[in-house]
């Protein structure tokens, strides 16, 4: 599973192992204890959220058309905030990462 960018899969850091790693959940976070997985990924530009993507699995598609609408051009890097959603607690702690795309 990958966070897939419109031009190509976003390699490491947002593979399934990343989503379930210390990078997203933090070193002291326990494994999933939810009945279902759910995630939100905020795409960030200059500190502001330009789009929030949702997924019931540790993969998501951010299409070229979405990126063009959000930025006006295709980007070489994307700044994103990833959070797991909980039925009991809502949106969990976010992890902010900058990923190379291309």
C-alpha atoms as a PDB file:
ATOM      1  CA  UNK A   1       0.000   0.000   0.000  1.00  0.00           C
ATOM      2  CA  UNK A   2       1.236   3.486  -0.806  1.00  0.00           C
ATOM      3  CA  UNK A   3       0.193   7.057  -0.688  1.00  0.00           C
ATOM      4  CA  UNK A   4       0.056   7.414  -4.459  1.00  0.00           C
ATOM      5  CA  UNK A   5       0.745  10.681  -6.164  1.00  0.00           C
ATOM      6  CA  UNK A   6      -0.797  11.414  -9.550  1.00  0.00           C
ATOM      7  CA  UNK A   7       2.536  11.101 -11.363  1.00  0.00           C
ATOM      8  CA  UNK A   8       4.055   8.144  -9.549  1.00  0.00           C
ATOM      9  CA  UNK A   9       3.779   6.222  -6.309  1.00  0.00           C
ATOM     10  CA  UNK A  10       5.305   8.153  -3.479  1.00  0.00           C
ATOM     11  CA  UNK A  11       8.116   5.812  -2.486  1.00  0.00           C
ATOM     12  CA  UNK A  12       9.147   5.274   1.086  1.00  0.00           C
ATOM     13  CA  UNK A  13       8.196   7.460   3.439  1.00  0.00           C
ATOM     14  CA  UNK A  14       4.461   6.861   3.004  1.00  0.00           C
ATOM     15  CA  UNK A  15       4.312   3.134   2.367  1.00  0.00           C
ATOM     16  CA  UNK A  16       2.144   1.004   4.625  1.00  0.00           C
ATOM     17  CA  UNK A  17       5.156   0.379   6.849  1.00  0.00           C
ATOM     18  CA  UNK A  18       5.460   4.143   7.269  1.00  0.00           C
ATOM     19  CA  UNK A  19       1.789   4.525   8.194  1.00  0.00           C
ATOM     20  CA  UNK A  20       2.183   1.871  10.873  1.00  0.00           C
ATOM     21  CA  UNK A  21       5.618   2.989  12.019  1.00  0.00           C
ATOM     22  CA  UNK A  22       6.940   5.277  14.712  1.00  0.00           C
ATOM     23  CA  UNK A  23       7.095   8.037  12.083  1.00  0.00           C
ATOM     24  CA  UNK A  24       3.298   8.340  12.075  1.00  0.00           C
ATOM     25  CA  UNK A  25       2.100   6.858  15.319  1.00  0.00           C
ATOM     26  CA  UNK A  26       5.043   7.797  17.506  1.00  0.00           C
ATOM     27  CA  UNK A  27       7.277   5.436  19.442  1.00  0.00           C
ATOM     28  CA  UNK A  28       4.877   4.882  22.336  1.00  0.00           C
ATOM     29  CA  UNK A  29       1.644   4.453  20.379  1.00  0.00           C
ATOM     30  CA  UNK A  30       0.137   0.966  20.517  1.00  0.00           C
ATOM     31  CA  UNK A  31      -0.901  -0.974  17.444  1.00  0.00           C
ATOM     32  CA  UNK A  32      -4.328  -0.408  15.909  1.00  0.00           C
ATOM     33  CA  UNK A  33      -7.159  -1.217  18.270  1.00  0.00           C
ATOM     34  CA  UNK A  34      -9.969   0.170  16.136  1.00  0.00           C
ATOM     35  CA  UNK A  35     -12.683  -1.909  14.490  1.00  0.00           C
ATOM     36  CA  UNK A  36     -11.788  -0.254  11.176  1.00  0.00           C
ATOM     37  CA  UNK A  37      -8.861   1.758   9.890  1.00  0.00           C
ATOM     38  CA  UNK A  38      -9.416   5.368   8.848  1.00  0.00           C
ATOM     39  CA  UNK A  39      -6.919   8.094   8.033  1.00  0.00           C
ATOM     40  CA  UNK A  40      -6.850  11.744   7.030  1.00  0.00           C
ATOM     41  CA  UNK A  41      -4.017  13.367   5.139  1.00  0.00           C
ATOM     42  CA  UNK A  42      -3.867  17.158   5.066  1.00  0.00           C
ATOM     43  CA  UNK A  43      -1.977  18.605   2.104  1.00  0.00           C
ATOM     44  CA  UNK A  44      -0.291  21.769   3.352  1.00  0.00           C
ATOM     45  CA  UNK A  45       0.921  24.894   1.531  1.00  0.00           C
ATOM     46  CA  UNK A  46       2.640  27.716   3.420  1.00  0.00           C
ATOM     47  CA  UNK A  47       1.275  26.417   6.720  1.00  0.00           C
ATOM     48  CA  UNK A  48      -2.345  26.266   5.554  1.00  0.00           C
ATOM     49  CA  UNK A  49      -4.335  23.182   4.629  1.00  0.00           C
ATOM     50  CA  UNK A  50      -5.241  23.201   0.932  1.00  0.00           C
ATOM     51  CA  UNK A  51      -6.938  19.788   0.872  1.00  0.00           C
ATOM     52  CA  UNK A  52      -7.838  16.969   3.252  1.00  0.00           C
ATOM     53  CA  UNK A  53      -7.872  13.458   1.818  1.00  0.00           C
ATOM     54  CA  UNK A  54      -9.575  10.569   3.628  1.00  0.00           C
ATOM     55  CA  UNK A  55      -8.981   6.844   3.345  1.00  0.00           C
ATOM     56  CA  UNK A  56     -10.218   3.655   5.043  1.00  0.00           C
ATOM     57  CA  UNK A  57      -6.805   2.049   4.445  1.00  0.00           C
ATOM     58  CA  UNK A  58      -3.139   3.025   4.672  1.00  0.00           C
ATOM     59  CA  UNK A  59      -3.065   4.273   1.083  1.00  0.00           C
ATOM     60  CA  UNK A  60      -4.524   7.266  -0.674  1.00  0.00           C
ATOM     61  CA  UNK A  61      -4.499   8.908  -4.107  1.00  0.00           C
ATOM     62  CA  UNK A  62      -3.624  12.567  -4.594  1.00  0.00           C
ATOM     63  CA  UNK A  63      -4.302  13.045  -8.299  1.00  0.00           C
ATOM     64  CA  UNK A  64      -2.579  15.499 -10.642  1.00  0.00           C
ATOM     65  CA  UNK A  65      -5.862  17.376 -11.121  1.00  0.00           C
ATOM     66  CA  UNK A  66      -6.163  17.868  -7.359  1.00  0.00           C
ATOM     67  CA  UNK A  67      -2.555  19.056  -7.112  1.00  0.00           C
ATOM     68  CA  UNK A  68      -3.017  21.496  -9.996  1.00  0.00           C
ATOM     69  CA  UNK A  69      -6.163  22.880  -8.356  1.00  0.00           C
ATOM     70  CA  UNK A  70      -4.368  23.229  -5.013  1.00  0.00           C
ATOM     71  CA  UNK A  71      -1.041  24.681  -6.193  1.00  0.00           C
ATOM     72  CA  UNK A  72      -1.451  25.791  -9.817  1.00  0.00           C
ATOM     73  CA  UNK A  73       1.426  23.518 -10.877  1.00  0.00           C
ATOM     74  CA  UNK A  74       2.892  20.113 -10.122  1.00  0.00           C
ATOM     75  CA  UNK A  75       5.162  20.156  -7.084  1.00  0.00           C
ATOM     76  CA  UNK A  76       8.512  18.443  -6.482  1.00  0.00           C
ATOM     77  CA  UNK A  77       7.754  18.019  -2.776  1.00  0.00           C
ATOM     78  CA  UNK A  78       4.557  17.824  -0.765  1.00  0.00           C
ATOM     79  CA  UNK A  79       4.071  18.796   2.842  1.00  0.00           C
ATOM     80  CA  UNK A  80       1.466  16.572   4.488  1.00  0.00           C
ATOM     81  CA  UNK A  81       0.019  15.892   7.924  1.00  0.00           C
ATOM     82  CA  UNK A  82      -1.133  12.325   8.555  1.00  0.00           C
ATOM     83  CA  UNK A  83      -3.596  11.356  11.287  1.00  0.00           C
ATOM     84  CA  UNK A  84      -5.392   8.153  12.175  1.00  0.00           C
ATOM     85  CA  UNK A  85      -9.085   8.518  12.971  1.00  0.00           C
ATOM     86  CA  UNK A  86     -10.625   6.826  15.988  1.00  0.00           C
ATOM     87  CA  UNK A  87     -14.287   5.994  16.513  1.00  0.00           C
ATOM     88  CA  UNK A  88     -13.863   6.789  20.206  1.00  0.00           C
ATOM     89  CA  UNK A  89     -11.436   9.712  20.167  1.00  0.00           C
ATOM     90  CA  UNK A  90     -11.779  11.325  16.737  1.00  0.00           C
ATOM     91  CA  UNK A  91      -8.702  12.545  14.909  1.00  0.00           C
ATOM     92  CA  UNK A  92      -5.479  11.371  16.514  1.00  0.00           C
ATOM     93  CA  UNK A  93      -2.135  13.102  16.795  1.00  0.00           C
ATOM     94  CA  UNK A  94      -0.736  14.341  13.487  1.00  0.00           C
ATOM     95  CA  UNK A  95       2.683  13.677  12.060  1.00  0.00           C
ATOM     96  CA  UNK A  96       4.025  16.230   9.599  1.00  0.00           C
ATOM     97  CA  UNK A  97       6.281  15.056   6.779  1.00  0.00           C
ATOM     98  CA  UNK A  98       7.666  16.515   3.577  1.00  0.00           C
ATOM     99  CA  UNK A  99       7.912  13.996   0.766  1.00  0.00           C
ATOM    100  CA  UNK A 100       9.572  14.118  -2.628  1.00  0.00           C
ATOM    101  CA  UNK A 101       7.356  13.363  -5.619  1.00  0.00           C
ATOM    102  CA  UNK A 102       8.028  13.168  -9.291  1.00  0.00           C
END
